[in-house]
Protein backbone atom coordinates (compact mmCIF):
# COMPACT_ATOMS: atom_id res chain seq x y z
CA UNK A 1 77.30 -68.78 96.62
CA UNK A 2 73.64 -69.54 95.92
CA UNK A 3 73.06 -65.99 94.71
CA UNK A 4 75.91 -66.20 92.20
CA UNK A 5 74.71 -69.59 90.93
CA UNK A 6 71.14 -68.41 90.44
CA UNK A 7 72.27 -65.20 88.70
CA UNK A 8 74.73 -67.04 86.46
CA UNK A 9 72.06 -69.58 85.44
CA UNK A 10 69.56 -66.79 84.71
CA UNK A 11 72.13 -64.91 82.62
CA UNK A 12 72.96 -67.99 80.53
CA UNK A 13 69.29 -68.79 80.01
CA UNK A 14 68.79 -65.22 78.76
CA UNK A 15 71.75 -65.61 76.39
CA UNK A 16 70.22 -68.83 75.04
CA UNK A 17 66.95 -67.02 74.39
CA UNK A 18 68.50 -64.44 72.05
CA UNK A 19 71.14 -66.46 70.20
CA UNK A 20 70.33 -67.01 66.50
CA UNK A 21 69.15 -70.45 65.43
CA UNK A 22 72.27 -71.11 63.37
CA UNK A 23 74.29 -71.25 66.61
CA UNK A 24 72.81 -74.66 67.45
CA UNK A 25 75.93 -76.19 68.99
CA UNK A 26 76.63 -73.11 71.10
CA UNK A 27 73.00 -72.95 72.26
CA UNK A 28 73.09 -76.60 73.32
CA UNK A 29 76.32 -76.13 75.26
CA UNK A 30 75.16 -72.97 77.04
CA UNK A 31 71.83 -74.59 77.87
CA UNK A 32 73.63 -77.52 79.49
CA UNK A 33 75.87 -75.15 81.46
CA UNK A 34 72.93 -73.03 82.64
CA UNK A 35 71.01 -76.16 83.63
CA UNK A 36 73.93 -77.46 85.73
CA UNK A 37 74.37 -74.09 87.47
CA UNK A 38 70.64 -73.96 88.14
CA UNK A 39 70.76 -77.49 89.58
CA UNK A 40 73.63 -76.56 91.91
CA UNK A 41 71.77 -73.43 93.04
CA UNK A 42 68.58 -75.34 93.81
CA UNK A 43 70.41 -78.12 95.64
CA UNK A 44 72.38 -75.81 97.90
CA UNK A 45 69.33 -73.62 98.51
CA UNK A 46 66.62 -76.22 99.11
CA UNK A 47 68.64 -78.78 101.06
CA UNK A 48 70.24 -77.07 104.04
CA UNK A 49 71.82 -78.93 106.96
CA UNK A 50 69.07 -81.12 108.38
CA UNK A 51 66.31 -78.98 106.86
CA UNK A 52 64.44 -78.30 103.62
CA UNK A 53 63.64 -74.82 102.30
CA UNK A 54 60.61 -74.74 100.06
CA UNK A 55 58.01 -72.31 98.74
CA UNK A 56 56.27 -71.26 95.55
CA UNK A 57 59.51 -69.73 94.15
CA UNK A 58 61.50 -72.92 94.69
CA UNK A 59 58.63 -74.92 93.18
CA UNK A 60 58.51 -72.78 90.03
CA UNK A 61 62.29 -72.71 89.74
CA UNK A 62 62.53 -76.51 89.99
CA UNK A 63 59.68 -76.96 87.49
CA UNK A 64 61.38 -74.73 84.89
CA UNK A 65 64.70 -76.45 85.58
CA UNK A 66 63.15 -79.79 84.63
CA UNK A 67 61.31 -78.18 81.71
CA UNK A 68 64.63 -76.96 80.30
CA UNK A 69 65.92 -80.54 80.52
CA UNK A 70 62.85 -81.80 78.64
CA UNK A 71 63.33 -79.15 75.94
CA UNK A 72 67.05 -79.98 75.61
CA UNK A 73 66.33 -83.71 75.19
CA UNK A 74 63.43 -83.23 72.75
CA UNK A 75 65.38 -80.69 70.71
CA UNK A 76 68.03 -83.30 69.98
CA UNK A 77 65.38 -85.42 68.23
CA UNK A 78 63.19 -82.70 66.69
CA UNK A 79 63.75 -79.13 65.54
CA UNK A 80 62.04 -77.27 68.40
CA UNK A 81 63.89 -73.98 68.28
CA UNK A 82 60.62 -72.10 68.72
CA UNK A 83 60.19 -73.80 72.09
CA UNK A 84 63.54 -72.33 73.16
CA UNK A 85 62.19 -68.83 72.50
CA UNK A 86 59.40 -69.46 75.01
CA UNK A 87 61.12 -71.60 77.64
CA UNK A 88 64.42 -69.77 78.08
CA UNK A 89 63.07 -66.29 78.97
CA UNK A 90 60.72 -67.89 81.48
CA UNK A 91 63.55 -69.99 82.92
CA UNK A 92 65.73 -66.88 83.24
CA UNK A 93 63.02 -65.00 85.14
CA UNK A 94 62.01 -67.89 87.38
CA UNK A 95 65.60 -68.93 88.17
CA UNK A 96 66.11 -65.85 90.33
CA UNK A 97 62.74 -65.95 92.13
CA UNK A 98 64.14 -67.94 95.10
CA UNK A 99 66.48 -65.00 95.78
CA UNK A 100 63.48 -62.73 96.29
CA UNK A 101 60.99 -65.12 97.90
CA UNK A 102 62.84 -67.36 100.32
CA UNK A 103 60.07 -69.80 101.21
CA UNK A 104 59.78 -71.77 104.45
CA UNK A 105 62.34 -73.94 106.22
CA UNK A 106 61.21 -77.32 107.61
CA UNK A 107 63.29 -79.72 109.65
CA UNK A 108 63.81 -83.06 107.89
CA UNK A 109 63.22 -84.84 111.20
CA UNK A 110 59.67 -83.43 111.42
CA UNK A 111 58.74 -84.43 107.85
CA UNK A 112 56.57 -87.47 107.16
CA UNK A 113 58.45 -90.13 105.12
CA UNK A 114 55.87 -89.94 102.31
CA UNK A 115 56.26 -86.17 101.93
CA UNK A 116 59.63 -86.31 100.15
CA UNK A 117 58.32 -88.71 97.51
CA UNK A 118 55.11 -86.75 97.14
CA UNK A 119 56.98 -83.47 96.55
CA UNK A 120 59.42 -85.06 94.08
CA UNK A 121 56.66 -86.69 92.01
CA UNK A 122 54.54 -83.53 92.04
CA UNK A 123 57.46 -81.43 90.76
CA UNK A 124 58.01 -83.95 87.95
CA UNK A 125 54.30 -83.76 87.08
CA UNK A 126 54.25 -79.94 87.14
CA UNK A 127 57.41 -79.78 85.04
CA UNK A 128 56.19 -82.19 82.37
CA UNK A 129 52.85 -80.42 82.08
CA UNK A 130 54.62 -77.04 82.05
CA UNK A 131 56.61 -78.02 78.99
CA UNK A 132 53.35 -79.39 77.50
CA UNK A 133 51.74 -75.98 78.06
CA UNK A 134 54.67 -74.23 76.33
CA UNK A 135 54.30 -76.76 73.52
CA UNK A 136 50.56 -76.01 73.25
CA UNK A 137 51.21 -72.26 73.01
CA UNK A 138 53.76 -72.89 70.29
CA UNK A 139 51.27 -75.08 68.39
CA UNK A 140 48.61 -72.35 68.66
CA UNK A 141 51.04 -69.83 67.15
CA UNK A 142 52.03 -72.32 64.47
CA UNK A 143 48.40 -73.06 63.58
CA UNK A 144 47.49 -69.37 63.39
CA UNK A 145 50.40 -68.78 61.02
CA UNK A 146 48.97 -71.39 58.63
CA UNK A 147 45.68 -69.51 58.26
CA UNK A 148 47.06 -65.97 58.25
CA UNK A 149 50.33 -64.09 58.29
CA UNK A 150 50.09 -61.95 61.42
CA UNK A 151 52.83 -59.42 62.04
CA UNK A 152 55.37 -61.01 64.35
CA UNK A 153 58.93 -60.37 65.42
CA UNK A 154 61.36 -61.82 62.84
CA UNK A 155 62.99 -64.10 65.42
CA UNK A 156 59.62 -65.70 66.33
CA UNK A 157 58.46 -65.99 62.71
CA UNK A 158 61.73 -67.70 61.80
CA UNK A 159 61.50 -70.07 64.74
CA UNK A 160 57.93 -71.06 63.82
CA UNK A 161 58.93 -71.81 60.25
CA UNK A 162 61.58 -74.25 61.46
CA UNK A 163 59.21 -76.30 63.61
CA UNK A 164 58.19 -79.83 62.58
CA UNK A 165 54.84 -80.35 60.88
CA UNK A 166 51.78 -79.64 63.01
CA UNK A 167 50.86 -83.35 63.14
CA UNK A 168 54.31 -84.19 64.50
CA UNK A 169 53.98 -81.40 67.07
CA UNK A 170 50.61 -82.82 68.10
CA UNK A 171 52.08 -86.28 68.61
CA UNK A 172 54.81 -84.78 70.79
CA UNK A 173 52.20 -82.85 72.77
CA UNK A 174 50.16 -85.93 73.59
CA UNK A 175 53.27 -87.87 74.50
CA UNK A 176 54.11 -85.16 77.03
CA UNK A 177 50.52 -85.09 78.30
CA UNK A 178 50.48 -88.86 78.81
CA UNK A 179 53.72 -88.72 80.80
CA UNK A 180 52.46 -85.74 82.81
CA UNK A 181 49.09 -87.42 83.43
CA UNK A 182 50.74 -90.57 84.78
CA UNK A 183 52.93 -88.46 87.07
CA UNK A 184 49.92 -86.39 88.15
CA UNK A 185 48.06 -89.61 88.98
CA UNK A 186 51.01 -90.71 91.11
CA UNK A 187 50.96 -87.25 92.74
CA UNK A 188 47.31 -87.73 93.74
CA UNK A 189 47.95 -91.26 95.03
CA UNK A 190 51.06 -90.24 97.00
CA UNK A 191 49.10 -87.26 98.33
CA UNK A 192 46.49 -89.69 99.67
CA UNK A 193 49.24 -91.62 101.49
CA UNK A 194 50.76 -88.41 102.83
CA UNK A 195 47.51 -86.95 104.13
CA UNK A 196 46.57 -90.27 105.70
CA UNK A 197 49.88 -90.40 107.56
CA UNK A 198 49.76 -86.77 108.65
CA UNK A 199 46.06 -86.06 109.15
CA UNK A 200 44.53 -89.52 109.52
CA UNK A 201 42.17 -89.05 106.53
CA UNK A 202 42.22 -90.26 102.93
CA UNK A 203 42.00 -86.76 101.42
CA UNK A 204 42.14 -83.30 102.93
CA UNK A 205 39.48 -81.39 101.01
CA UNK A 206 41.19 -78.03 100.69
CA UNK A 207 41.71 -75.80 97.63
CA UNK A 208 44.94 -77.61 96.72
CA UNK A 209 43.22 -81.01 96.57
CA UNK A 210 40.20 -79.67 94.68
CA UNK A 211 42.27 -77.87 92.00
CA UNK A 212 44.63 -80.84 91.60
CA UNK A 213 41.72 -83.24 91.11
CA UNK A 214 40.06 -80.79 88.70
CA UNK A 215 43.29 -80.63 86.68
CA UNK A 216 43.49 -84.44 86.71
CA UNK A 217 39.90 -84.65 85.43
CA UNK A 218 40.62 -82.16 82.62
CA UNK A 219 43.65 -84.10 81.40
CA UNK A 220 41.77 -87.41 81.79
CA UNK A 221 38.89 -85.99 79.70
CA UNK A 222 41.34 -84.79 77.06
CA UNK A 223 43.04 -88.18 76.76
CA UNK A 224 39.68 -89.98 76.71
CA UNK A 225 38.37 -87.54 74.11
CA UNK A 226 41.50 -88.09 72.04
CA UNK A 227 41.06 -91.87 72.26
CA UNK A 228 37.32 -92.15 71.69
CA UNK A 229 36.33 -88.94 69.89
CA UNK A 230 39.53 -88.06 68.05
CA UNK A 231 39.94 -84.69 69.75
CA UNK A 232 42.75 -82.59 68.31
CA UNK A 233 43.61 -79.07 67.24
CA UNK A 234 42.06 -76.21 69.20
CA UNK A 235 40.09 -78.53 71.49
CA UNK A 236 43.26 -80.29 72.59
CA UNK A 237 45.09 -76.99 73.08
CA UNK A 238 42.28 -75.53 75.18
CA UNK A 239 42.08 -78.57 77.44
CA UNK A 240 45.88 -78.59 77.83
CA UNK A 241 46.07 -74.93 78.83
CA UNK A 242 43.00 -75.19 81.10
CA UNK A 243 44.44 -78.24 82.86
CA UNK A 244 47.80 -76.53 83.29
CA UNK A 245 46.25 -73.30 84.62
CA UNK A 246 44.20 -75.27 87.13
CA UNK A 247 47.30 -77.16 88.24
CA UNK A 248 49.18 -73.91 88.77
CA UNK A 249 46.34 -72.66 90.97
CA UNK A 250 46.45 -75.89 92.96
CA UNK A 251 49.86 -75.30 94.48
CA UNK A 252 51.96 -72.44 93.15
CA UNK A 253 49.10 -69.93 93.19
CA UNK A 254 48.01 -70.80 96.71
CA UNK A 255 51.53 -70.68 98.05
CA UNK A 256 52.11 -67.32 96.38
CA UNK A 257 49.05 -65.85 98.08
CA UNK A 258 49.94 -67.26 101.48
CA UNK A 259 53.67 -66.51 101.37
CA UNK A 260 53.67 -63.15 99.61
CA UNK A 261 50.25 -61.66 100.26
CA UNK A 262 49.44 -63.10 103.69
CA UNK A 263 53.06 -63.70 104.81
CA UNK A 264 52.51 -67.12 106.28
CA UNK A 265 53.34 -70.74 105.42
CA UNK A 266 51.21 -73.51 103.99
CA UNK A 267 51.35 -77.22 104.75
């Protein structure tokens, strides 16, 4: 059941990635269908009877699932077809990762009450900043096309030409970053509550905490620089991508190493 749902969602995401822009209504409908199938797959996979299955694959899959939702909503207000060309192939690839990397199973009865909220908020933060990173990549491509005409695939060149003006894209980017930063702040605060309940200390100074705080500082610096120094353009894009890369290392990267390379779990 789960296998079929994951595969069907991945297939529909892949279809959405290659459909021509003029098929807007069809793309929207298929995206919604793929998103619902992906949701059903994640729900039946992650929440077993009295237990939770989770790992880096489930984390990435859930993050892209929410990123697709963010794209779908934003695309109804702005012409962001270029974002579809980036998000959908990634969603198709990541949707089937939980079939390969099964993660760890934890009994719900052994979980601290704060853990569920902490995980939910962190996934929302990762997802929002993931779509912001896609948005930043798209802006970098859009900006480079203004200064030169590099050889690109026709489908990408056409998608870039249909994007809103760069200033509008920048406003959308910082709106996403603000939402992601607030969620990341809540992630840090809920993490403090969780570690205090579980370990009896305010913060557990491991690689996950250090990378998360470093990511928080990068996004905080970007927003402060935007407010007080008027940062924009390449500076904003670099801070966005650096903050996102650091955030990936904080959780997904560490879990990948421990689950896949070292074959053991991570708290």
